[in-house]
Amino acid sequence: GGGSDPDTEWAHHPQHRAGGDVTAVAQQRDSSRHCSSRGRSCGGDGGGGGAAGIGPTPGPLGQGIGNRVGMAMAATWLGARYTRPGHDLFGFRVYALCSDGDMMEGVGCEAASIAGHLKLNNLVWIYDDNTITIEGHTELSFSENVPLKFQGLGWNTLTVTDANDLAAIQKALDAAQKSEDKPTLIVRKRHHGWGSPP
């Protein structure tokens, strides 16, 4: 984290807590800065070297948000099984930053569907709605009403109309954390390249 002591920050890593060696995990901190480079243990799309403590690597669009649904499901199951009065070990939320491309992919929709069905209130997706995909503007290939679709899948939906409005983003995150029976999608409208010189 931001101001953590580098000698102790890995003491709470799940692999360390389970008795494993976190040396490889710590080394990946620097390697991950070059995550798309060949030969790295944190390779890009479909890649990866399988280093101890490194989870799934990036794959096709939608895979990452699907993985987050799995993490939220696991946390919910673990909480139901192991939480005892005064010992809420798994009371955390799982967040994902999603792109227009993620919203277009079937795997993302399937993952969102099961998350809504299971009422995973510990799951928050932040959709970076900048209307850009690999083809160009989203109007070339994507015309869905994403918030309406997610409401149909059983999600709370919130919209932040200005991605630079930090107070509005915080308000949406606070509202998402209060959800008791649904996952939350925060649609964050953003102008691609805002603030860049012309």
C-alpha atoms as a PDB file:
ATOM      1  CA  GLY A   1       0.000   0.000   0.000  1.00  0.00           C
ATOM      2  CA  GLY A   2       0.817   3.707  -0.153  1.00  0.00           C
ATOM      3  CA  GLY A   3       2.834   4.219   3.023  1.00  0.00           C
ATOM      4  CA  SER A   4       3.488   0.646   4.063  1.00  0.00           C
ATOM      5  CA  ASP A   5       6.851  -0.629   5.245  1.00  0.00           C
ATOM      6  CA  PRO A   6       8.343  -2.735   2.431  1.00  0.00           C
ATOM      7  CA  ASP A   7       9.800  -5.181   4.941  1.00  0.00           C
ATOM      8  CA  THR A   8       6.436  -5.964   6.511  1.00  0.00           C
ATOM      9  CA  GLU A   9       3.840  -5.317   3.821  1.00  0.00           C
ATOM     10  CA  TRP A  10       3.810  -8.966   2.717  1.00  0.00           C
ATOM     11  CA  ALA A  11       3.223 -10.251   6.279  1.00  0.00           C
ATOM     12  CA  HIS A  12      -0.527 -10.174   5.669  1.00  0.00           C
ATOM     13  CA  HIS A  13      -0.485 -11.616   2.139  1.00  0.00           C
ATOM     14  CA  PRO A  14      -2.796 -14.682   2.032  1.00  0.00           C
ATOM     15  CA  GLN A  15       0.036 -16.897   0.820  1.00  0.00           C
ATOM     16  CA  HIS A  16       2.218 -15.899   3.785  1.00  0.00           C
ATOM     17  CA  ARG A  17      -0.660 -16.384   6.205  1.00  0.00           C
ATOM     18  CA  ALA A  18      -1.154 -19.886   4.807  1.00  0.00           C
ATOM     19  CA  GLY A  19       2.504 -20.699   5.486  1.00  0.00           C
ATOM     20  CA  GLY A  20       3.767 -20.185   1.928  1.00  0.00           C
ATOM     21  CA  ASP A  21       6.812 -18.375   0.581  1.00  0.00           C
ATOM     22  CA  VAL A  22       6.030 -14.816  -0.486  1.00  0.00           C
ATOM     23  CA  THR A  23       9.439 -14.135  -2.014  1.00  0.00           C
ATOM     24  CA  ALA A  24       8.137 -14.704  -5.551  1.00  0.00           C
ATOM     25  CA  VAL A  25       5.076 -12.571  -4.832  1.00  0.00           C
ATOM     26  CA  ALA A  26       7.222  -9.687  -3.610  1.00  0.00           C
ATOM     27  CA  GLN A  27       9.445  -9.942  -6.678  1.00  0.00           C
ATOM     28  CA  GLN A  28       6.393  -9.670  -8.930  1.00  0.00           C
ATOM     29  CA  ARG A  29       5.723  -6.163  -7.640  1.00  0.00           C
ATOM     30  CA  ASP A  30       8.463  -4.876  -9.934  1.00  0.00           C
ATOM     31  CA  SER A  31       7.806  -7.380 -12.707  1.00  0.00           C
ATOM     32  CA  SER A  32       4.138  -6.404 -12.895  1.00  0.00           C
ATOM     33  CA  ARG A  33       5.127  -2.955 -14.135  1.00  0.00           C
ATOM     34  CA  HIS A  34       5.936  -4.736 -17.404  1.00  0.00           C
ATOM     35  CA  CYS A  35       2.917  -7.038 -17.365  1.00  0.00           C
ATOM     36  CA  SER A  36       2.582  -7.291 -21.120  1.00  0.00           C
ATOM     37  CA  SER A  37       6.220  -8.159 -21.724  1.00  0.00           C
ATOM     38  CA  ARG A  38       6.994 -11.649 -22.964  1.00  0.00           C
ATOM     39  CA  GLY A  39       8.806 -13.873 -20.515  1.00  0.00           C
ATOM     40  CA  ARG A  40       7.400 -12.129 -17.429  1.00  0.00           C
ATOM     41  CA  SER A  41       5.521 -14.127 -14.844  1.00  0.00           C
ATOM     42  CA  CYS A  42       2.652 -11.614 -15.091  1.00  0.00           C
ATOM     43  CA  GLY A  43       2.267 -11.856 -18.855  1.00  0.00           C
ATOM     44  CA  GLY A  44      -0.405 -10.154 -20.923  1.00  0.00           C
ATOM     45  CA  ASP A  45      -3.484 -11.526 -22.686  1.00  0.00           C
ATOM     46  CA  GLY A  46      -3.573 -15.257 -22.286  1.00  0.00           C
ATOM     47  CA  GLY A  47      -0.008 -15.242 -20.946  1.00  0.00           C
ATOM     48  CA  GLY A  48       1.469 -15.580 -17.537  1.00  0.00           C
ATOM     49  CA  GLY A  49       4.214 -17.599 -15.975  1.00  0.00           C
ATOM     50  CA  GLY A  50       2.383 -19.136 -13.054  1.00  0.00           C
ATOM     51  CA  ALA A  51       4.585 -17.678 -10.316  1.00  0.00           C
ATOM     52  CA  ALA A  52       3.529 -18.615  -6.806  1.00  0.00           C
ATOM     53  CA  GLY A  53       0.972 -16.181  -5.422  1.00  0.00           C
ATOM     54  CA  ILE A  54       0.057 -14.686  -8.770  1.00  0.00           C
ATOM     55  CA  GLY A  55      -3.583 -15.160  -9.660  1.00  0.00           C
ATOM     56  CA  PRO A  56      -5.159 -15.262 -13.082  1.00  0.00           C
ATOM     57  CA  THR A  57      -3.485 -13.146 -15.705  1.00  0.00           C
ATOM     58  CA  PRO A  58      -5.387 -10.924 -18.113  1.00  0.00           C
ATOM     59  CA  GLY A  59      -7.192 -12.828 -20.782  1.00  0.00           C
ATOM     60  CA  PRO A  60      -9.972 -11.928 -23.149  1.00  0.00           C
ATOM     61  CA  LEU A  61     -12.181  -8.956 -22.344  1.00  0.00           C
ATOM     62  CA  GLY A  62     -14.656  -9.906 -19.645  1.00  0.00           C
ATOM     63  CA  GLN A  63     -12.396 -12.480 -17.982  1.00  0.00           C
ATOM     64  CA  GLY A  64     -11.250 -10.132 -15.237  1.00  0.00           C
ATOM     65  CA  ILE A  65     -14.758  -9.130 -14.209  1.00  0.00           C
ATOM     66  CA  GLY A  66     -15.769 -12.791 -14.280  1.00  0.00           C
ATOM     67  CA  ASN A  67     -12.864 -13.552 -11.945  1.00  0.00           C
ATOM     68  CA  ARG A  68     -14.134 -10.865  -9.564  1.00  0.00           C
ATOM     69  CA  VAL A  69     -17.521 -12.568  -9.419  1.00  0.00           C
ATOM     70  CA  GLY A  70     -15.727 -15.762  -8.411  1.00  0.00           C
ATOM     71  CA  MET A  71     -13.847 -13.874  -5.695  1.00  0.00           C
ATOM     72  CA  ALA A  72     -17.094 -12.396  -4.364  1.00  0.00           C
ATOM     73  CA  MET A  73     -18.719 -15.843  -4.403  1.00  0.00           C
ATOM     74  CA  ALA A  74     -15.771 -17.312  -2.499  1.00  0.00           C
ATOM     75  CA  ALA A  75     -15.837 -14.525   0.082  1.00  0.00           C
ATOM     76  CA  THR A  76     -19.565 -15.020   0.602  1.00  0.00           C
ATOM     77  CA  TRP A  77     -19.152 -18.775   1.023  1.00  0.00           C
ATOM     78  CA  LEU A  78     -16.195 -18.383   3.388  1.00  0.00           C
ATOM     79  CA  GLY A  79     -18.080 -15.789   5.433  1.00  0.00           C
ATOM     80  CA  ALA A  80     -21.131 -18.038   5.752  1.00  0.00           C
ATOM     81  CA  ARG A  81     -18.976 -20.957   6.788  1.00  0.00           C
ATOM     82  CA  TYR A  82     -16.428 -19.351   9.133  1.00  0.00           C
ATOM     83  CA  THR A  83     -17.800 -16.065  10.490  1.00  0.00           C
ATOM     84  CA  ARG A  84     -18.544 -16.237  14.202  1.00  0.00           C
ATOM     85  CA  PRO A  85     -19.893 -13.519  16.519  1.00  0.00           C
ATOM     86  CA  GLY A  86     -17.184 -10.876  16.843  1.00  0.00           C
ATOM     87  CA  HIS A  87     -15.036 -12.490  14.126  1.00  0.00           C
ATOM     88  CA  ASP A  88     -16.070 -11.253  10.676  1.00  0.00           C
ATOM     89  CA  LEU A  89     -13.073 -12.602   8.771  1.00  0.00           C
ATOM     90  CA  PHE A  90     -14.478 -12.265   5.264  1.00  0.00           C
ATOM     91  CA  GLY A  91     -16.522  -9.054   5.413  1.00  0.00           C
ATOM     92  CA  PHE A  92     -14.776  -7.382   2.493  1.00  0.00           C
ATOM     93  CA  ARG A  93     -15.964  -6.146  -0.884  1.00  0.00           C
ATOM     94  CA  VAL A  94     -14.592  -7.063  -4.287  1.00  0.00           C
ATOM     95  CA  TYR A  95     -14.146  -4.238  -6.808  1.00  0.00           C
ATOM     96  CA  ALA A  96     -13.480  -4.289 -10.552  1.00  0.00           C
ATOM     97  CA  LEU A  97     -12.864  -1.528 -13.062  1.00  0.00           C
ATOM     98  CA  CYS A  98     -14.667  -2.446 -16.298  1.00  0.00           C
ATOM     99  CA  SER A  99     -14.345  -1.131 -19.820  1.00  0.00           C
ATOM    100  CA  ASP A 100     -16.788  -0.743 -22.681  1.00  0.00           C
ATOM    101  CA  GLY A 101     -15.167  -3.846 -24.146  1.00  0.00           C
ATOM    102  CA  ASP A 102     -15.859  -5.838 -20.951  1.00  0.00           C
ATOM    103  CA  MET A 103     -19.521  -4.827 -21.140  1.00  0.00           C
ATOM    104  CA  MET A 104     -19.714  -6.069 -24.730  1.00  0.00           C
ATOM    105  CA  GLU A 105     -18.412  -9.575 -23.987  1.00  0.00           C
ATOM    106  CA  GLY A 106     -20.646 -12.542 -23.280  1.00  0.00           C
ATOM    107  CA  VAL A 107     -18.505 -13.817 -20.412  1.00  0.00           C
ATOM    108  CA  GLY A 108     -19.039 -10.509 -18.595  1.00  0.00           C
ATOM    109  CA  CYS A 109     -22.808 -10.739 -19.013  1.00  0.00           C
ATOM    110  CA  GLU A 110     -22.870 -14.353 -17.840  1.00  0.00           C
ATOM    111  CA  ALA A 111     -20.810 -13.448 -14.780  1.00  0.00           C
ATOM    112  CA  ALA A 112     -23.087 -10.478 -14.046  1.00  0.00           C
ATOM    113  CA  SER A 113     -26.117 -12.743 -14.326  1.00  0.00           C
ATOM    114  CA  ILE A 114     -24.925 -15.232 -11.708  1.00  0.00           C
ATOM    115  CA  ALA A 115     -23.795 -12.368  -9.433  1.00  0.00           C
ATOM    116  CA  GLY A 116     -27.286 -10.881  -9.556  1.00  0.00           C
ATOM    117  CA  HIS A 117     -28.912 -14.273  -9.050  1.00  0.00           C
ATOM    118  CA  LEU A 118     -26.746 -14.953  -5.990  1.00  0.00           C
ATOM    119  CA  LYS A 119     -27.324 -11.406  -4.664  1.00  0.00           C
ATOM    120  CA  LEU A 120     -23.591 -10.803  -4.184  1.00  0.00           C
ATOM    121  CA  ASN A 121     -23.840  -7.528  -2.287  1.00  0.00           C
ATOM    122  CA  ASN A 122     -20.067  -7.620  -1.702  1.00  0.00           C
ATOM    123  CA  LEU A 123     -19.380  -7.010  -5.417  1.00  0.00           C
ATOM    124  CA  VAL A 124     -18.922  -3.584  -7.033  1.00  0.00           C
ATOM    125  CA  TRP A 125     -18.078  -3.018 -10.701  1.00  0.00           C
ATOM    126  CA  ILE A 126     -17.033   0.458 -11.796  1.00  0.00           C
ATOM    127  CA  TYR A 127     -17.815   0.806 -15.495  1.00  0.00           C
ATOM    128  CA  ASP A 128     -15.534   3.316 -17.220  1.00  0.00           C
ATOM    129  CA  ASP A 129     -18.070   4.406 -19.833  1.00  0.00           C
ATOM    130  CA  ASN A 130     -15.830   6.386 -22.189  1.00  0.00           C
ATOM    131  CA  THR A 131     -17.597   5.238 -25.404  1.00  0.00           C
ATOM    132  CA  ILE A 132     -14.368   3.898 -26.938  1.00  0.00           C
ATOM    133  CA  THR A 133     -13.621   0.363 -28.114  1.00  0.00           C
ATOM    134  CA  ILE A 134     -11.020  -1.164 -30.370  1.00  0.00           C
ATOM    135  CA  GLU A 135     -13.270  -0.413 -33.363  1.00  0.00           C
ATOM    136  CA  GLY A 136     -13.542   3.261 -32.458  1.00  0.00           C
ATOM    137  CA  HIS A 137     -16.639   4.891 -30.979  1.00  0.00           C
ATOM    138  CA  THR A 138     -19.003   2.417 -29.292  1.00  0.00           C
ATOM    139  CA  GLU A 139     -21.864   3.474 -31.574  1.00  0.00           C
ATOM    140  CA  LEU A 140     -20.165   1.400 -34.291  1.00  0.00           C
ATOM    141  CA  SER A 141     -20.844  -1.885 -32.498  1.00  0.00           C
ATOM    142  CA  PHE A 142     -22.588  -1.410 -29.145  1.00  0.00           C
ATOM    143  CA  SER A 143     -25.927   0.207 -28.408  1.00  0.00           C
ATOM    144  CA  GLU A 144     -27.135  -1.487 -25.225  1.00  0.00           C
ATOM    145  CA  ASN A 145     -28.553   0.420 -22.288  1.00  0.00           C
ATOM    146  CA  VAL A 146     -26.055  -1.038 -19.816  1.00  0.00           C
ATOM    147  CA  PRO A 147     -27.685   0.216 -16.580  1.00  0.00           C
ATOM    148  CA  LEU A 148     -31.088  -1.128 -17.689  1.00  0.00           C
ATOM    149  CA  LYS A 149     -29.541  -4.491 -18.616  1.00  0.00           C
ATOM    150  CA  PHE A 150     -27.876  -4.757 -15.212  1.00  0.00           C
ATOM    151  CA  GLN A 151     -31.088  -3.821 -13.416  1.00  0.00           C
ATOM    152  CA  GLY A 152     -32.677  -6.739 -15.270  1.00  0.00           C
ATOM    153  CA  LEU A 153     -29.853  -8.963 -14.018  1.00  0.00           C
ATOM    154  CA  GLY A 154     -30.637  -7.996 -10.412  1.00  0.00           C
ATOM    155  CA  TRP A 155     -28.014  -5.309  -9.812  1.00  0.00           C
ATOM    156  CA  ASN A 156     -28.128  -1.882  -8.192  1.00  0.00           C
ATOM    157  CA  THR A 157     -27.034   0.704 -10.733  1.00  0.00           C
ATOM    158  CA  LEU A 158     -25.613   4.136  -9.994  1.00  0.00           C
ATOM    159  CA  THR A 159     -24.373   6.731 -12.470  1.00  0.00           C
ATOM    160  CA  VAL A 160     -21.647   9.336 -12.051  1.00  0.00           C
ATOM    161  CA  THR A 161     -22.045  11.743 -14.960  1.00  0.00           C
ATOM    162  CA  ASP A 162     -18.618  13.381 -14.538  1.00  0.00           C
ATOM    163  CA  ALA A 163     -15.663  11.077 -13.923  1.00  0.00           C
ATOM    164  CA  ASN A 164     -13.702  14.047 -12.588  1.00  0.00           C
ATOM    165  CA  ASP A 165     -16.232  14.707  -9.811  1.00  0.00           C
ATOM    166  CA  LEU A 166     -14.491  12.950  -6.934  1.00  0.00           C
ATOM    167  CA  ALA A 167     -17.280  13.770  -4.465  1.00  0.00           C
ATOM    168  CA  ALA A 168     -19.841  12.095  -6.743  1.00  0.00           C
ATOM    169  CA  ILE A 169     -17.607   9.033  -7.117  1.00  0.00           C
ATOM    170  CA  GLN A 170     -17.201   8.796  -3.342  1.00  0.00           C
ATOM    171  CA  LYS A 171     -20.962   9.137  -2.872  1.00  0.00           C
ATOM    172  CA  ALA A 172     -21.541   6.271  -5.325  1.00  0.00           C
ATOM    173  CA  LEU A 173     -18.950   4.075  -3.586  1.00  0.00           C
ATOM    174  CA  ASP A 174     -20.550   4.813  -0.212  1.00  0.00           C
ATOM    175  CA  ALA A 175     -23.976   3.863  -1.601  1.00  0.00           C
ATOM    176  CA  ALA A 176     -22.559   0.638  -3.071  1.00  0.00           C
ATOM    177  CA  GLN A 177     -21.160  -0.343   0.316  1.00  0.00           C
ATOM    178  CA  LYS A 178     -24.623  -0.062   1.851  1.00  0.00           C
ATOM    179  CA  SER A 179     -26.188  -2.576  -0.522  1.00  0.00           C
ATOM    180  CA  GLU A 180     -27.677  -5.453   1.437  1.00  0.00           C
ATOM    181  CA  ASP A 181     -29.074  -7.669  -1.296  1.00  0.00           C
ATOM    182  CA  LYS A 182     -27.538  -6.877  -4.697  1.00  0.00           C
ATOM    183  CA  PRO A 183     -24.218  -6.338  -6.435  1.00  0.00           C
ATOM    184  CA  THR A 184     -23.662  -2.766  -7.631  1.00  0.00           C
ATOM    185  CA  LEU A 185     -22.654  -1.334 -10.999  1.00  0.00           C
ATOM    186  CA  ILE A 186     -21.350   2.232 -10.920  1.00  0.00           C
ATOM    187  CA  VAL A 187     -21.453   3.732 -14.409  1.00  0.00           C
ATOM    188  CA  ARG A 188     -18.766   6.397 -14.569  1.00  0.00           C
ATOM    189  CA  LYS A 189     -19.177   8.608 -17.650  1.00  0.00           C
ATOM    190  CA  ARG A 190     -15.840   9.799 -18.949  1.00  0.00           C
ATOM    191  CA  HIS A 191     -14.583  11.695 -21.963  1.00  0.00           C
ATOM    192  CA  HIS A 192     -11.677   9.659 -23.363  1.00  0.00           C
ATOM    193  CA  GLY A 193      -8.482  11.700 -23.218  1.00  0.00           C
ATOM    194  CA  TRP A 194      -9.990  14.530 -21.158  1.00  0.00           C
ATOM    195  CA  GLY A 195      -7.294  16.957 -20.077  1.00  0.00           C
ATOM    196  CA  SER A 196      -4.843  15.955 -22.808  1.00  0.00           C
ATOM    197  CA  PRO A 197      -3.319  18.722 -24.895  1.00  0.00           C
ATOM    198  CA  PRO A 198      -4.958  19.153 -28.329  1.00  0.00           C
END
